[in-house]
Amino acid sequence: MGKTTVLTRTAEKLKVKGYKLGGMISQEIREANTRVGFEIIDYASRRKGWLAHIRQPKGPRIGKYRVNLHDLNSIGVTAILNALKHEDIVLIDEIGPMELFSDFFKDVLHKALKSSKPVLGTIHFHAQNQLIRQIKSRKDVDIIEVTLENRNDLPILIVDKVINLSACAYEKTREG
């Protein structure tokens, strides 16, 4: 539907406005018009690895893919931890069944959500999991469904929300 595209376009618009962003991005990989896996990318360093692949020799299985827990932890989790330490905004793409096989991912996800930094993430629409239900029910979380009709307008809407959130946080620190 374009969740990752919306997230990356939003990130680029925020970058232009002077925000520093980090975290992990997932992209599908195709060979001859057939999806064969998912790549994981550290947004800040551009370091890449495999999240899952049809030829991944080991790891938890999701459909025809096996999850590469090593790359998820060493690249994805590390990217989120680095973003929490050094960046203004944390990107997490995506929170779904593959990622939730990693206890390290779940731990860093909790840290990100407890932090004072804005977290921009994607959640697999059909994913059913206690952690995902908890995230969706949080009062400090806005869930925006990406559709064909709204996906081109969402980056501007999300950028405005982040800027307003940042302005409110700044006012609170000035008052306190």
Protein backbone atom coordinates (compact mmCIF):
# COMPACT_ATOMS: atom_id res chain seq x y z
CA MET A 1 0.00 0.00 0.00
CA GLY A 2 2.98 2.31 0.41
CA LYS A 3 3.67 2.53 4.17
CA THR A 4 7.44 2.60 3.74
CA THR A 5 7.21 5.15 0.94
CA VAL A 6 5.07 7.42 3.13
CA LEU A 7 7.55 7.02 5.99
CA THR A 8 10.64 7.74 3.87
CA ARG A 9 9.01 10.74 2.15
CA THR A 10 8.02 12.09 5.55
CA ALA A 11 11.56 11.56 6.83
CA GLU A 12 13.05 13.42 3.86
CA LYS A 13 10.69 16.38 4.40
CA LEU A 14 11.62 16.50 8.09
CA LYS A 15 15.31 16.33 7.19
CA VAL A 16 14.91 19.38 4.95
CA LYS A 17 13.37 21.19 7.93
CA GLY A 18 16.49 20.51 9.99
CA TYR A 19 15.48 17.42 11.99
CA LYS A 20 17.96 14.59 12.48
CA LEU A 21 16.43 11.15 11.93
CA GLY A 22 17.58 7.62 12.49
CA GLY A 23 16.21 4.15 12.87
CA MET A 24 15.41 1.27 10.57
CA ILE A 25 13.63 1.01 7.25
CA SER A 26 12.50 -2.24 5.59
CA GLN A 27 12.13 -2.63 1.83
CA GLU A 28 10.95 -5.53 -0.22
CA ILE A 29 13.40 -7.03 -2.69
CA ARG A 30 12.23 -8.40 -6.01
CA GLU A 31 13.86 -10.64 -8.59
CA ALA A 32 12.12 -10.92 -11.96
CA ASN A 33 8.97 -9.24 -10.56
CA THR A 34 8.75 -11.75 -7.70
CA ARG A 35 9.26 -10.72 -4.09
CA VAL A 36 12.11 -12.77 -2.65
CA GLY A 37 12.75 -10.99 0.61
CA PHE A 38 13.01 -7.87 2.68
CA GLU A 39 16.07 -5.73 3.21
CA ILE A 40 16.70 -3.84 6.43
CA ILE A 41 18.43 -0.46 6.25
CA ASP A 42 19.89 1.76 8.96
CA TYR A 43 18.41 5.10 7.93
CA ALA A 44 21.30 7.20 9.25
CA SER A 45 24.32 5.11 8.19
CA ARG A 46 22.68 3.38 5.17
CA ARG A 47 24.07 0.03 6.41
CA LYS A 48 22.04 -2.83 4.92
CA GLY A 49 21.23 -6.43 5.66
CA TRP A 50 18.50 -9.01 5.20
CA LEU A 51 15.38 -8.95 7.33
CA ALA A 52 14.01 -12.06 5.62
CA HIS A 53 14.55 -13.99 2.41
CA ILE A 54 13.22 -17.06 0.66
CA ARG A 55 16.76 -18.50 0.61
CA GLN A 56 17.63 -17.60 4.20
CA PRO A 57 19.01 -20.91 5.55
CA LYS A 58 17.87 -20.54 9.16
CA GLY A 59 15.65 -18.50 11.40
CA PRO A 60 11.95 -18.31 12.23
CA ARG A 61 9.66 -18.94 9.27
CA ILE A 62 6.92 -16.56 8.09
CA GLY A 63 5.25 -18.00 5.02
CA LYS A 64 7.95 -18.64 2.42
CA TYR A 65 10.51 -16.44 4.21
CA ARG A 66 12.94 -17.08 7.02
CA VAL A 67 13.74 -14.16 9.30
CA ASN A 68 17.39 -13.20 9.67
CA LEU A 69 17.54 -12.41 13.38
CA HIS A 70 21.25 -11.58 13.21
CA ASP A 71 20.78 -8.71 10.72
CA LEU A 72 17.56 -7.56 12.39
CA ASN A 73 19.40 -7.24 15.71
CA SER A 74 22.79 -6.01 14.49
CA ILE A 75 21.44 -3.51 11.96
CA GLY A 76 17.80 -2.75 12.83
CA VAL A 77 17.94 -2.77 16.61
CA THR A 78 21.30 -0.98 16.61
CA ALA A 79 19.89 1.69 14.27
CA ILE A 80 16.98 2.33 16.64
CA LEU A 81 19.30 2.49 19.67
CA ASN A 82 21.58 4.95 17.84
CA ALA A 83 18.57 7.08 16.90
CA LEU A 84 17.46 7.18 20.53
CA LYS A 85 20.91 8.45 21.53
CA HIS A 86 21.78 10.81 18.69
CA GLU A 87 18.78 11.82 16.58
CA ASP A 88 15.67 13.99 16.99
CA ILE A 89 13.22 11.47 15.55
CA VAL A 90 13.18 7.66 15.59
CA LEU A 91 12.00 5.67 12.55
CA ILE A 92 10.75 2.11 12.94
CA ASP A 93 9.61 0.40 9.76
CA GLU A 94 7.95 -1.92 10.43
CA ILE A 95 6.40 -3.40 13.53
CA GLY A 96 5.17 -6.71 12.23
CA PRO A 97 5.37 -10.47 12.61
CA MET A 98 8.95 -10.79 11.33
CA GLU A 99 10.37 -8.14 13.63
CA LEU A 100 8.49 -9.43 16.67
CA PHE A 101 10.50 -12.67 16.61
CA SER A 102 13.36 -10.63 18.10
CA ASP A 103 13.31 -10.00 21.84
CA PHE A 104 15.93 -7.29 21.28
CA PHE A 105 13.61 -5.56 18.81
CA LYS A 106 10.72 -5.70 21.29
CA ASP A 107 12.95 -4.26 24.03
CA VAL A 108 14.19 -1.37 21.90
CA LEU A 109 10.64 -0.72 20.69
CA HIS A 110 9.57 -0.30 24.34
CA LYS A 111 12.53 2.04 24.94
CA ALA A 112 11.61 4.13 21.91
CA LEU A 113 7.98 4.44 22.99
CA LYS A 114 9.02 5.42 26.54
CA SER A 115 11.45 8.05 25.25
CA SER A 116 10.59 11.71 24.80
CA LYS A 117 11.44 11.52 21.10
CA PRO A 118 8.82 11.30 18.37
CA VAL A 119 8.66 7.81 16.88
CA LEU A 120 7.43 7.43 13.32
CA GLY A 121 6.65 3.83 12.58
CA THR A 122 4.66 1.50 10.45
CA ILE A 123 2.56 -1.38 11.68
CA HIS A 124 1.49 -4.25 9.48
CA PHE A 125 -2.28 -3.76 9.10
CA HIS A 126 -3.31 -7.37 9.73
CA ALA A 127 -0.73 -8.14 12.42
CA GLN A 128 -2.35 -9.39 15.60
CA ASN A 129 -0.16 -9.45 18.65
CA GLN A 130 -0.51 -8.28 22.24
CA LEU A 131 2.32 -5.77 21.83
CA ILE A 132 0.79 -4.30 18.67
CA ARG A 133 -2.60 -4.00 20.40
CA GLN A 134 -0.89 -2.21 23.31
CA ILE A 135 0.78 0.24 20.93
CA LYS A 136 -2.45 0.92 19.07
CA SER A 137 -4.30 1.59 22.34
CA ARG A 138 -1.80 4.12 23.72
CA LYS A 139 -3.20 7.63 24.12
CA ASP A 140 0.05 9.15 22.83
CA VAL A 141 -0.07 7.20 19.56
CA ASP A 142 -1.77 8.40 16.39
CA ILE A 143 -2.63 5.61 13.96
CA ILE A 144 -3.06 6.73 10.37
CA GLU A 145 -4.15 4.16 7.82
CA VAL A 146 -2.38 4.45 4.48
CA THR A 147 -4.78 4.16 1.56
CA LEU A 148 -4.50 4.73 -2.17
CA GLU A 149 -6.49 7.91 -1.70
CA ASN A 150 -4.41 9.48 1.09
CA ARG A 151 -0.87 8.16 0.66
CA ASN A 152 0.40 11.10 -1.40
CA ASP A 153 -0.88 13.66 1.13
CA LEU A 154 0.23 11.86 4.30
CA PRO A 155 3.87 13.03 4.41
CA ILE A 156 2.78 16.68 4.67
CA LEU A 157 0.15 15.83 7.30
CA ILE A 158 2.65 13.84 9.38
CA VAL A 159 5.34 16.53 9.10
CA ASP A 160 2.83 19.09 10.41
CA LYS A 161 1.95 16.79 13.34
CA VAL A 162 5.64 16.29 14.22
CA ILE A 163 6.35 20.03 14.06
CA ASN A 164 3.33 20.78 16.27
CA LEU A 165 4.39 18.05 18.70
CA SER A 166 7.92 19.48 18.82
CA ALA A 167 6.57 22.99 19.43
CA CYS A 168 4.40 21.72 22.32
CA ALA A 169 7.34 19.85 23.86
CA TYR A 170 9.50 22.99 23.57
CA GLU A 171 6.84 25.10 25.31
CA LYS A 172 6.60 22.55 28.15
CA THR A 173 10.36 22.66 28.75
CA ARG A 174 10.34 26.48 28.76
CA GLU A 175 7.50 26.53 31.30
CA GLY A 176 8.94 23.79 33.52
